[in-house]
Amino acid sequence: MKTMNAQRGMTLTSFLVVLIVVGFFLYVGMKLFPMYQEYYAVRSAMKSLANEPEIGTMAPAQIQTLLFKRLDMNYSENVKPADVKFNRRDNGWTLNVNYEVRRPLVGNLDVVGKFESSQDLIRSGAQ
């Protein structure tokens, strides 16, 4: 009768390799999560602007002020006034926000996120 003498399970070396890989992905996730959280805050602020009554009749400077008030409440620090553009539509404006976020990753390597969003702002509110 043979008894089973083979060892089962992971060795310490393979456990450390798995731990390092999981740790690396968690570290990258911690760098990326705030970038995407800010992007969704920008999207939310733009959508709430679209629900404002008579937003399409306001001047772009007024709309931009309202947008940045909403972004300040969400602690958004990467969107600058130069990143906000307005295009005239027949019944209002199209708001375009294009910005880039750069976070240091390891040494001289950076994580770069480029975000672009647009929202129609019409005279009667959201569409």
Protein backbone atom coordinates (compact mmCIF):
# COMPACT_ATOMS: atom_id res chain seq x y z
CA MET A 1 0.00 0.00 0.00
CA LYS A 2 1.45 3.32 -1.05
CA THR A 3 0.93 6.40 1.08
CA MET A 4 0.73 9.83 -0.44
CA ASN A 5 3.91 11.72 0.38
CA ALA A 6 3.50 14.53 -2.16
CA GLN A 7 3.15 18.00 -0.71
CA ARG A 8 0.02 19.93 -1.63
CA GLY A 9 -0.44 23.67 -1.81
CA MET A 10 1.67 26.65 -2.75
CA THR A 11 5.28 27.07 -1.87
CA LEU A 12 6.47 30.20 -0.13
CA THR A 13 8.06 31.45 -3.35
CA SER A 14 4.88 31.08 -5.39
CA PHE A 15 2.88 32.72 -2.59
CA LEU A 16 5.25 35.73 -2.67
CA VAL A 17 4.94 35.98 -6.46
CA VAL A 18 1.14 35.99 -6.22
CA LEU A 19 1.29 38.53 -3.40
CA ILE A 20 3.57 40.85 -5.42
CA VAL A 21 1.33 40.66 -8.51
CA VAL A 22 -1.83 41.34 -6.49
CA GLY A 23 -0.08 44.18 -4.63
CA PHE A 24 1.03 45.78 -7.89
CA PHE A 25 -2.50 45.74 -9.32
CA LEU A 26 -3.89 47.17 -6.07
CA TYR A 27 -1.29 49.95 -6.20
CA VAL A 28 -2.18 50.80 -9.81
CA GLY A 29 -5.88 50.69 -8.88
CA MET A 30 -5.26 53.17 -6.06
CA LYS A 31 -3.70 55.54 -8.60
CA LEU A 32 -6.48 55.13 -11.17
CA PHE A 33 -9.55 55.20 -8.91
CA PRO A 34 -9.34 58.93 -8.00
CA MET A 35 -8.90 59.84 -11.66
CA TYR A 36 -12.07 58.03 -12.68
CA GLN A 37 -13.94 59.24 -9.60
CA GLU A 38 -13.17 62.80 -10.67
CA TYR A 39 -14.29 62.05 -14.24
CA TYR A 40 -17.66 60.82 -12.99
CA ALA A 41 -17.97 63.94 -10.82
CA VAL A 42 -17.37 66.07 -13.93
CA ARG A 43 -20.01 64.09 -15.83
CA SER A 44 -22.44 64.51 -12.95
CA ALA A 45 -21.83 68.26 -12.78
CA MET A 46 -22.39 68.59 -16.53
CA LYS A 47 -25.65 66.62 -16.36
CA SER A 48 -26.91 68.73 -13.46
CA LEU A 49 -26.14 71.85 -15.49
CA ALA A 50 -28.30 70.49 -18.30
CA ASN A 51 -31.23 70.31 -15.87
CA GLU A 52 -30.99 74.00 -14.97
CA PRO A 53 -33.94 76.01 -16.31
CA GLU A 54 -33.07 78.25 -19.27
CA ILE A 55 -29.42 77.13 -19.26
CA GLY A 56 -29.28 77.47 -23.05
CA THR A 57 -29.95 81.22 -22.86
CA MET A 58 -27.09 81.95 -20.44
CA ALA A 59 -23.71 83.29 -21.53
CA PRO A 60 -20.81 80.81 -21.59
CA ALA A 61 -19.06 82.67 -18.74
CA GLN A 62 -22.12 82.20 -16.50
CA ILE A 63 -22.37 78.52 -17.39
CA GLN A 64 -18.67 78.03 -16.73
CA THR A 65 -19.04 79.68 -13.31
CA LEU A 66 -21.92 77.32 -12.45
CA LEU A 67 -19.87 74.32 -13.64
CA PHE A 68 -16.85 75.22 -11.52
CA LYS A 69 -19.03 75.78 -8.44
CA ARG A 70 -20.29 72.23 -8.85
CA LEU A 71 -16.76 70.92 -9.42
CA ASP A 72 -15.48 72.71 -6.31
CA MET A 73 -18.07 70.87 -4.23
CA ASN A 74 -16.70 67.58 -5.59
CA TYR A 75 -13.06 68.57 -4.93
CA SER A 76 -12.21 68.38 -8.62
CA GLU A 77 -8.80 69.95 -9.10
CA ASN A 78 -7.69 68.83 -12.55
CA VAL A 79 -10.26 70.60 -14.73
CA LYS A 80 -9.08 74.10 -15.62
CA PRO A 81 -11.04 76.89 -17.36
CA ALA A 82 -8.95 76.34 -20.50
CA ASP A 83 -10.28 72.75 -20.66
CA VAL A 84 -13.90 73.94 -21.02
CA LYS A 85 -15.17 74.85 -24.49
CA PHE A 86 -18.59 75.95 -25.72
CA ASN A 87 -20.03 75.43 -29.19
CA ARG A 88 -23.18 77.28 -30.27
CA ARG A 89 -26.19 75.15 -31.20
CA ASP A 90 -29.45 76.22 -32.73
CA ASN A 91 -31.24 76.11 -29.36
CA GLY A 92 -28.41 76.50 -26.83
CA TRP A 93 -24.84 75.30 -26.29
CA THR A 94 -22.76 72.16 -26.41
CA LEU A 95 -20.40 72.01 -23.44
CA ASN A 96 -17.12 70.13 -24.06
CA VAL A 97 -14.67 69.31 -21.30
CA ASN A 98 -11.32 67.78 -22.31
CA TYR A 99 -8.61 67.36 -19.70
CA GLU A 100 -5.64 65.21 -18.82
CA VAL A 101 -4.60 63.80 -15.45
CA ARG A 102 -1.04 62.66 -14.80
CA ARG A 103 -0.09 60.73 -11.65
CA PRO A 104 3.35 59.38 -10.76
CA LEU A 105 3.43 55.59 -10.66
CA VAL A 106 6.94 54.26 -10.02
CA GLY A 107 10.14 56.22 -10.43
CA ASN A 108 9.94 58.16 -13.65
CA LEU A 109 6.85 56.30 -14.91
CA ASP A 110 3.51 58.10 -14.86
CA VAL A 111 -0.09 57.05 -15.33
CA VAL A 112 -1.83 59.39 -17.77
CA GLY A 113 -5.58 59.62 -18.17
CA LYS A 114 -7.18 61.65 -20.96
CA PHE A 115 -10.83 62.42 -20.36
CA GLU A 116 -13.35 63.93 -22.75
CA SER A 117 -17.02 64.61 -22.18
CA SER A 118 -19.72 66.69 -23.83
CA GLN A 119 -23.21 67.75 -22.83
CA ASP A 120 -25.93 69.59 -24.74
CA LEU A 121 -27.32 72.58 -22.88
CA ILE A 122 -30.59 73.66 -24.45
CA ARG A 123 -33.00 76.46 -23.64
CA SER A 124 -35.71 74.31 -22.10
CA GLY A 125 -33.41 72.27 -19.80
CA ALA A 126 -32.38 68.63 -20.16
CA GLN A 127 -33.12 66.66 -23.28
